[in-house]
Amino acid sequence: MELNVPGDAMAAALIDRINELLAHDFDKLISILYRMDVNEHKLRKLLSDHPADDAANIIAELMIERQIQKRKSRQAFRKDDPAIDENEKW
């Protein structure tokens, strides 16, 4: 599974950091994935279905995918009602 996202330098930096966390601070990586709400079942399935692939690539792809989902969700539910005062918007 090859990471296919724009910003290859940023993706490479993310993969490097994930590899570092995998090797030296696995608990912190798990905490980050939990806070980002990365789907644990999807992650486990991808890791088991692609045992020869770099785990950091798979994790990075899911992290980026989750951030894109969050952004789309925020845009879809953005409150752009001009009748609502700016100070009253969440």
C-alpha atoms as a PDB file:
ATOM      1  CA  MET A   1       0.000   0.000   0.000  1.00  0.00           C
ATOM      2  CA  GLU A   2       1.646   3.201  -1.161  1.00  0.00           C
ATOM      3  CA  LEU A   3       0.722   6.580   0.290  1.00  0.00           C
ATOM      4  CA  ASN A   4      -0.882   8.619  -2.463  1.00  0.00           C
ATOM      5  CA  VAL A   5      -1.497  12.142  -1.186  1.00  0.00           C
ATOM      6  CA  PRO A   6      -0.440  15.613  -2.253  1.00  0.00           C
ATOM      7  CA  GLY A   7       2.493  17.173  -0.423  1.00  0.00           C
ATOM      8  CA  ASP A   8       4.951  14.318  -0.662  1.00  0.00           C
ATOM      9  CA  ALA A   9       7.490  16.075   1.589  1.00  0.00           C
ATOM     10  CA  MET A  10       4.877  16.526   4.297  1.00  0.00           C
ATOM     11  CA  ALA A  11       3.689  12.938   3.909  1.00  0.00           C
ATOM     12  CA  ALA A  12       7.298  11.722   4.110  1.00  0.00           C
ATOM     13  CA  ALA A  13       7.833  13.726   7.306  1.00  0.00           C
ATOM     14  CA  LEU A  14       4.657  12.236   8.773  1.00  0.00           C
ATOM     15  CA  ILE A  15       5.778   8.721   7.866  1.00  0.00           C
ATOM     16  CA  ASP A  16       9.196   9.353   9.447  1.00  0.00           C
ATOM     17  CA  ARG A  17       7.545  10.572  12.658  1.00  0.00           C
ATOM     18  CA  ILE A  18       5.193   7.579  12.733  1.00  0.00           C
ATOM     19  CA  ASN A  19       8.158   5.217  12.301  1.00  0.00           C
ATOM     20  CA  GLU A  20       9.899   6.973  15.181  1.00  0.00           C
ATOM     21  CA  LEU A  21       6.824   6.586  17.370  1.00  0.00           C
ATOM     22  CA  LEU A  22       6.431   2.936  16.363  1.00  0.00           C
ATOM     23  CA  ALA A  23       9.998   2.269  17.453  1.00  0.00           C
ATOM     24  CA  HIS A  24      10.268   4.441  20.553  1.00  0.00           C
ATOM     25  CA  ASP A  25       6.874   5.576  21.883  1.00  0.00           C
ATOM     26  CA  PHE A  26       4.099   3.263  20.726  1.00  0.00           C
ATOM     27  CA  ASP A  27       1.746   4.440  23.490  1.00  0.00           C
ATOM     28  CA  LYS A  28       1.996   8.013  22.239  1.00  0.00           C
ATOM     29  CA  LEU A  29       1.169   6.879  18.689  1.00  0.00           C
ATOM     30  CA  ILE A  30      -1.886   5.012  19.959  1.00  0.00           C
ATOM     31  CA  SER A  31      -2.956   8.108  21.881  1.00  0.00           C
ATOM     32  CA  ILE A  32      -2.619  10.285  18.760  1.00  0.00           C
ATOM     33  CA  LEU A  33      -4.620   7.824  16.664  1.00  0.00           C
ATOM     34  CA  TYR A  34      -7.314   7.735  19.337  1.00  0.00           C
ATOM     35  CA  ARG A  35      -7.523  11.550  19.547  1.00  0.00           C
ATOM     36  CA  MET A  36      -7.723  11.778  15.754  1.00  0.00           C
ATOM     37  CA  ASP A  37     -10.469   9.147  15.809  1.00  0.00           C
ATOM     38  CA  VAL A  38      -8.727   6.895  13.283  1.00  0.00           C
ATOM     39  CA  ASN A  39     -10.849   3.790  12.778  1.00  0.00           C
ATOM     40  CA  GLU A  40      -9.126   1.053  14.783  1.00  0.00           C
ATOM     41  CA  HIS A  41     -10.855  -1.815  12.982  1.00  0.00           C
ATOM     42  CA  LYS A  42      -9.940  -0.416   9.571  1.00  0.00           C
ATOM     43  CA  LEU A  43      -6.333   0.044  10.700  1.00  0.00           C
ATOM     44  CA  ARG A  44      -6.080  -3.513  12.021  1.00  0.00           C
ATOM     45  CA  LYS A  45      -7.606  -4.916   8.828  1.00  0.00           C
ATOM     46  CA  LEU A  46      -5.275  -2.954   6.566  1.00  0.00           C
ATOM     47  CA  LEU A  47      -2.244  -3.973   8.610  1.00  0.00           C
ATOM     48  CA  SER A  48      -3.244  -7.648   8.510  1.00  0.00           C
ATOM     49  CA  ASP A  49      -4.172  -7.536   4.802  1.00  0.00           C
ATOM     50  CA  HIS A  50      -0.852  -5.883   3.861  1.00  0.00           C
ATOM     51  CA  PRO A  51       1.788  -7.432   6.143  1.00  0.00           C
ATOM     52  CA  ALA A  52       4.614  -6.743   3.678  1.00  0.00           C
ATOM     53  CA  ASP A  53       3.836  -3.018   3.466  1.00  0.00           C
ATOM     54  CA  ASP A  54       5.355  -0.393   5.735  1.00  0.00           C
ATOM     55  CA  ALA A  55       2.999   0.068   8.686  1.00  0.00           C
ATOM     56  CA  ALA A  56       3.884   3.771   8.885  1.00  0.00           C
ATOM     57  CA  ASN A  57       2.611   4.296   5.311  1.00  0.00           C
ATOM     58  CA  ILE A  58      -0.693   2.634   6.169  1.00  0.00           C
ATOM     59  CA  ILE A  59      -1.073   4.612   9.384  1.00  0.00           C
ATOM     60  CA  ALA A  60      -0.180   7.896   7.655  1.00  0.00           C
ATOM     61  CA  GLU A  61      -2.712   7.259   4.918  1.00  0.00           C
ATOM     62  CA  LEU A  62      -5.462   6.630   7.470  1.00  0.00           C
ATOM     63  CA  MET A  63      -4.486   9.729   9.456  1.00  0.00           C
ATOM     64  CA  ILE A  64      -4.607  11.910   6.360  1.00  0.00           C
ATOM     65  CA  GLU A  65      -7.858  10.299   5.218  1.00  0.00           C
ATOM     66  CA  ARG A  66      -9.414  11.026   8.617  1.00  0.00           C
ATOM     67  CA  GLN A  67      -8.338  14.671   8.524  1.00  0.00           C
ATOM     68  CA  ILE A  68      -9.870  15.039   5.053  1.00  0.00           C
ATOM     69  CA  GLN A  69     -13.115  13.492   6.335  1.00  0.00           C
ATOM     70  CA  LYS A  70     -13.203  15.937   9.245  1.00  0.00           C
ATOM     71  CA  ARG A  71     -12.614  18.895   6.937  1.00  0.00           C
ATOM     72  CA  LYS A  72     -15.424  17.816   4.595  1.00  0.00           C
ATOM     73  CA  SER A  73     -17.747  17.311   7.547  1.00  0.00           C
ATOM     74  CA  ARG A  74     -16.991  20.756   8.945  1.00  0.00           C
ATOM     75  CA  GLN A  75     -17.604  22.338   5.549  1.00  0.00           C
ATOM     76  CA  ALA A  76     -20.876  20.475   5.117  1.00  0.00           C
ATOM     77  CA  PHE A  77     -22.188  21.558   8.487  1.00  0.00           C
ATOM     78  CA  ARG A  78     -20.725  25.048   8.616  1.00  0.00           C
ATOM     79  CA  LYS A  79     -23.159  27.634   9.836  1.00  0.00           C
ATOM     80  CA  ASP A  80     -23.210  30.331   7.175  1.00  0.00           C
ATOM     81  CA  ASP A  81     -26.560  31.843   8.038  1.00  0.00           C
ATOM     82  CA  PRO A  82     -26.138  35.616   7.574  1.00  0.00           C
ATOM     83  CA  ALA A  83     -29.044  36.205   9.962  1.00  0.00           C
ATOM     84  CA  ILE A  84     -26.946  34.883  12.846  1.00  0.00           C
ATOM     85  CA  ASP A  85     -24.630  37.372  14.509  1.00  0.00           C
ATOM     86  CA  GLU A  86     -20.909  36.469  14.263  1.00  0.00           C
ATOM     87  CA  ASN A  87     -20.652  36.406  18.068  1.00  0.00           C
ATOM     88  CA  GLU A  88     -23.446  33.834  18.287  1.00  0.00           C
ATOM     89  CA  LYS A  89     -21.916  31.315  15.883  1.00  0.00           C
ATOM     90  CA  TRP A  90     -20.123  28.313  17.276  1.00  0.00           C
END
